[in-house]
Amino acid sequence: MDSIEPVAVSEATERSLLTEQPALAYPDKAKGQQGTVVLQVLIGRDGTVQDAKFLQGSLAFARSQSTA
């Protein structure tokens, strides 16, 4: 399988491609807070997330996990 170069995708494009938004389990210290995090996500050719890395933002949100 050939590798591909990383691509930057605008938030509007990302939102238009979103097919599922699982509920998140927020850590107790993050509940009631708002913030932004930047992630680097590797998406496989089948559209599944292969890897996700936290790049910047509040560590309280970085520890949030999907419950679905």
C-alpha atoms as a PDB file:
ATOM      1  CA  MET A   1       0.000   0.000   0.000  1.00  0.00           C
ATOM      2  CA  ASP A   2       1.437   3.341  -1.037  1.00  0.00           C
ATOM      3  CA  SER A   3       1.743   6.016   1.624  1.00  0.00           C
ATOM      4  CA  ILE A   4       0.307   9.462   1.077  1.00  0.00           C
ATOM      5  CA  GLU A   5       1.401  12.862   2.239  1.00  0.00           C
ATOM      6  CA  PRO A   6      -0.450  14.574   5.090  1.00  0.00           C
ATOM      7  CA  VAL A   7      -3.132  17.031   4.027  1.00  0.00           C
ATOM      8  CA  ALA A   8      -4.626  20.015   5.826  1.00  0.00           C
ATOM      9  CA  VAL A   9      -8.421  20.054   5.788  1.00  0.00           C
ATOM     10  CA  SER A  10     -10.521  23.075   6.702  1.00  0.00           C
ATOM     11  CA  GLU A  11     -12.922  22.830   9.633  1.00  0.00           C
ATOM     12  CA  ALA A  12     -15.888  23.385   7.291  1.00  0.00           C
ATOM     13  CA  THR A  13     -14.800  20.434   5.136  1.00  0.00           C
ATOM     14  CA  GLU A  14     -14.229  18.265   8.198  1.00  0.00           C
ATOM     15  CA  ARG A  15     -17.714  19.027   9.508  1.00  0.00           C
ATOM     16  CA  SER A  16     -19.297  18.228   6.135  1.00  0.00           C
ATOM     17  CA  LEU A  17     -17.607  14.808   6.120  1.00  0.00           C
ATOM     18  CA  LEU A  18     -18.526  13.926   9.705  1.00  0.00           C
ATOM     19  CA  THR A  19     -20.732  10.826   9.691  1.00  0.00           C
ATOM     20  CA  GLU A  20     -20.756  10.062  13.395  1.00  0.00           C
ATOM     21  CA  GLN A  21     -20.103  12.021  16.568  1.00  0.00           C
ATOM     22  CA  PRO A  22     -19.794   9.674  19.546  1.00  0.00           C
ATOM     23  CA  ALA A  23     -20.465  10.952  23.040  1.00  0.00           C
ATOM     24  CA  LEU A  24     -17.338  11.872  24.992  1.00  0.00           C
ATOM     25  CA  ALA A  25     -16.537  10.961  28.560  1.00  0.00           C
ATOM     26  CA  TYR A  26     -15.086  14.163  30.017  1.00  0.00           C
ATOM     27  CA  PRO A  27     -12.714  13.963  32.981  1.00  0.00           C
ATOM     28  CA  ASP A  28     -14.248  15.444  36.142  1.00  0.00           C
ATOM     29  CA  LYS A  29     -11.842  18.409  36.119  1.00  0.00           C
ATOM     30  CA  ALA A  30     -12.904  19.296  32.542  1.00  0.00           C
ATOM     31  CA  LYS A  31     -16.685  19.193  33.060  1.00  0.00           C
ATOM     32  CA  GLY A  32     -18.350  22.555  32.520  1.00  0.00           C
ATOM     33  CA  GLN A  33     -15.273  23.993  30.783  1.00  0.00           C
ATOM     34  CA  GLN A  34     -14.851  24.944  27.154  1.00  0.00           C
ATOM     35  CA  GLY A  35     -11.702  24.897  25.133  1.00  0.00           C
ATOM     36  CA  THR A  36      -9.980  23.920  21.950  1.00  0.00           C
ATOM     37  CA  VAL A  37      -7.455  21.201  21.291  1.00  0.00           C
ATOM     38  CA  VAL A  38      -5.436  20.484  18.182  1.00  0.00           C
ATOM     39  CA  LEU A  39      -5.116  16.838  17.180  1.00  0.00           C
ATOM     40  CA  GLN A  40      -3.138  15.082  14.492  1.00  0.00           C
ATOM     41  CA  VAL A  41      -5.276  12.239  13.159  1.00  0.00           C
ATOM     42  CA  LEU A  42      -4.228   9.422  10.831  1.00  0.00           C
ATOM     43  CA  ILE A  43      -7.238   8.188   8.875  1.00  0.00           C
ATOM     44  CA  GLY A  44      -7.010   4.870   7.054  1.00  0.00           C
ATOM     45  CA  ARG A  45      -8.099   4.337   3.484  1.00  0.00           C
ATOM     46  CA  ASP A  46     -11.303   2.777   4.841  1.00  0.00           C
ATOM     47  CA  GLY A  47     -12.107   6.006   6.707  1.00  0.00           C
ATOM     48  CA  THR A  48     -11.376   4.726  10.214  1.00  0.00           C
ATOM     49  CA  VAL A  49      -9.120   6.540  12.660  1.00  0.00           C
ATOM     50  CA  GLN A  50      -5.807   4.666  12.833  1.00  0.00           C
ATOM     51  CA  ASP A  51      -4.061   7.008  15.271  1.00  0.00           C
ATOM     52  CA  ALA A  52      -4.725  10.314  17.030  1.00  0.00           C
ATOM     53  CA  LYS A  53      -2.153  12.487  18.784  1.00  0.00           C
ATOM     54  CA  PHE A  54      -2.737  15.502  21.006  1.00  0.00           C
ATOM     55  CA  LEU A  55      -0.706  18.476  19.746  1.00  0.00           C
ATOM     56  CA  GLN A  56      -1.854  21.484  21.791  1.00  0.00           C
ATOM     57  CA  GLY A  57      -4.535  22.802  24.110  1.00  0.00           C
ATOM     58  CA  SER A  58      -5.726  22.051  27.620  1.00  0.00           C
ATOM     59  CA  LEU A  59      -4.490  18.725  28.956  1.00  0.00           C
ATOM     60  CA  ALA A  60      -7.836  18.365  30.754  1.00  0.00           C
ATOM     61  CA  PHE A  61      -9.462  17.911  27.333  1.00  0.00           C
ATOM     62  CA  ALA A  62      -6.630  15.823  25.939  1.00  0.00           C
ATOM     63  CA  ARG A  63      -7.574  13.077  28.347  1.00  0.00           C
ATOM     64  CA  SER A  64     -11.206  12.937  27.129  1.00  0.00           C
ATOM     65  CA  GLN A  65     -12.179   9.646  25.562  1.00  0.00           C
ATOM     66  CA  SER A  66     -14.896   8.426  23.260  1.00  0.00           C
ATOM     67  CA  THR A  67     -17.525   6.223  24.879  1.00  0.00           C
ATOM     68  CA  ALA A  68     -18.818   4.801  21.613  1.00  0.00           C
END
